[in-house]
């Protein structure tokens, strides 16, 4: 398991919402399987990646401020 930004295909130096998710091939296979079971649309699938990476970024920012 790598860094979440790499796994999801984002550059953490660029705002997450300005990027399209581009997950690593092995991650994409597993994610697509789960997303299909849940019946998520492509927009909902993108939201999962965006939210996950934004949450990680926000947590890192908050932990540095303490």
Protein backbone atom coordinates (compact mmCIF):
# COMPACT_ATOMS: atom_id res chain seq x y z
CA UNK A 1 0.00 0.00 0.00
CA UNK A 2 1.42 3.34 -1.05
CA UNK A 3 0.64 6.92 -0.19
CA UNK A 4 -3.06 7.64 -0.71
CA UNK A 5 -2.40 10.41 -3.26
CA UNK A 6 -0.30 8.05 -5.40
CA UNK A 7 -2.85 5.25 -5.04
CA UNK A 8 -5.65 7.57 -6.22
CA UNK A 9 -3.57 9.30 -8.90
CA UNK A 10 -3.39 12.81 -7.44
CA UNK A 11 -0.60 15.34 -7.04
CA UNK A 12 -0.96 16.65 -3.46
CA UNK A 13 0.64 19.96 -4.50
CA UNK A 14 -2.32 20.77 -6.79
CA UNK A 15 -5.86 21.28 -5.42
CA UNK A 16 -7.53 17.87 -5.42
CA UNK A 17 -10.77 19.07 -7.05
CA UNK A 18 -8.83 20.43 -10.03
CA UNK A 19 -7.64 16.90 -10.88
CA UNK A 20 -9.36 13.84 -12.28
CA UNK A 21 -8.88 10.67 -10.23
CA UNK A 22 -6.47 8.28 -11.91
CA UNK A 23 -6.06 5.35 -9.52
CA UNK A 24 -3.29 2.81 -9.98
CA UNK A 25 -4.43 -0.15 -12.13
CA UNK A 26 -4.57 -2.69 -9.29
CA UNK A 27 -6.46 -0.26 -7.03
CA UNK A 28 -8.85 0.60 -9.86
CA UNK A 29 -9.83 -3.05 -10.37
CA UNK A 30 -10.77 -3.49 -6.71
CA UNK A 31 -12.44 -0.07 -6.45
CA UNK A 32 -14.50 -0.60 -9.61
CA UNK A 33 -15.70 -3.95 -8.27
CA UNK A 34 -16.92 -2.33 -5.04
CA UNK A 35 -18.34 0.75 -6.82
CA UNK A 36 -20.30 -1.53 -9.18
CA UNK A 37 -21.78 -3.46 -6.24
CA UNK A 38 -22.80 -0.14 -4.65
CA UNK A 39 -24.20 1.13 -7.95
CA UNK A 40 -22.21 4.37 -7.87
CA UNK A 41 -22.24 6.72 -10.85
CA UNK A 42 -18.96 8.04 -12.26
CA UNK A 43 -19.52 11.36 -10.46
CA UNK A 44 -20.05 9.52 -7.17
CA UNK A 45 -16.93 7.43 -7.77
CA UNK A 46 -14.88 10.59 -8.36
CA UNK A 47 -16.34 12.09 -5.18
CA UNK A 48 -15.10 9.09 -3.17
CA UNK A 49 -11.52 9.69 -4.38
CA UNK A 50 -11.72 13.46 -3.92
CA UNK A 51 -13.19 13.21 -0.43
CA UNK A 52 -10.68 10.59 0.70
CA UNK A 53 -7.67 12.62 -0.42
CA UNK A 54 -9.07 15.91 0.89
CA UNK A 55 -9.69 14.29 4.26
CA UNK A 56 -6.08 13.04 4.38
CA UNK A 57 -4.78 16.49 3.39
CA UNK A 58 -6.92 18.22 6.01
CA UNK A 59 -5.83 15.84 8.74
CA UNK A 60 -2.18 16.40 7.85
CA UNK A 61 -2.68 20.17 7.93
CA UNK A 62 -4.42 20.04 11.30
CA UNK A 63 -1.78 17.78 12.85
CA UNK A 64 0.99 20.20 11.80
CA UNK A 65 -0.84 23.12 13.44
CA UNK A 66 -0.84 21.54 16.90
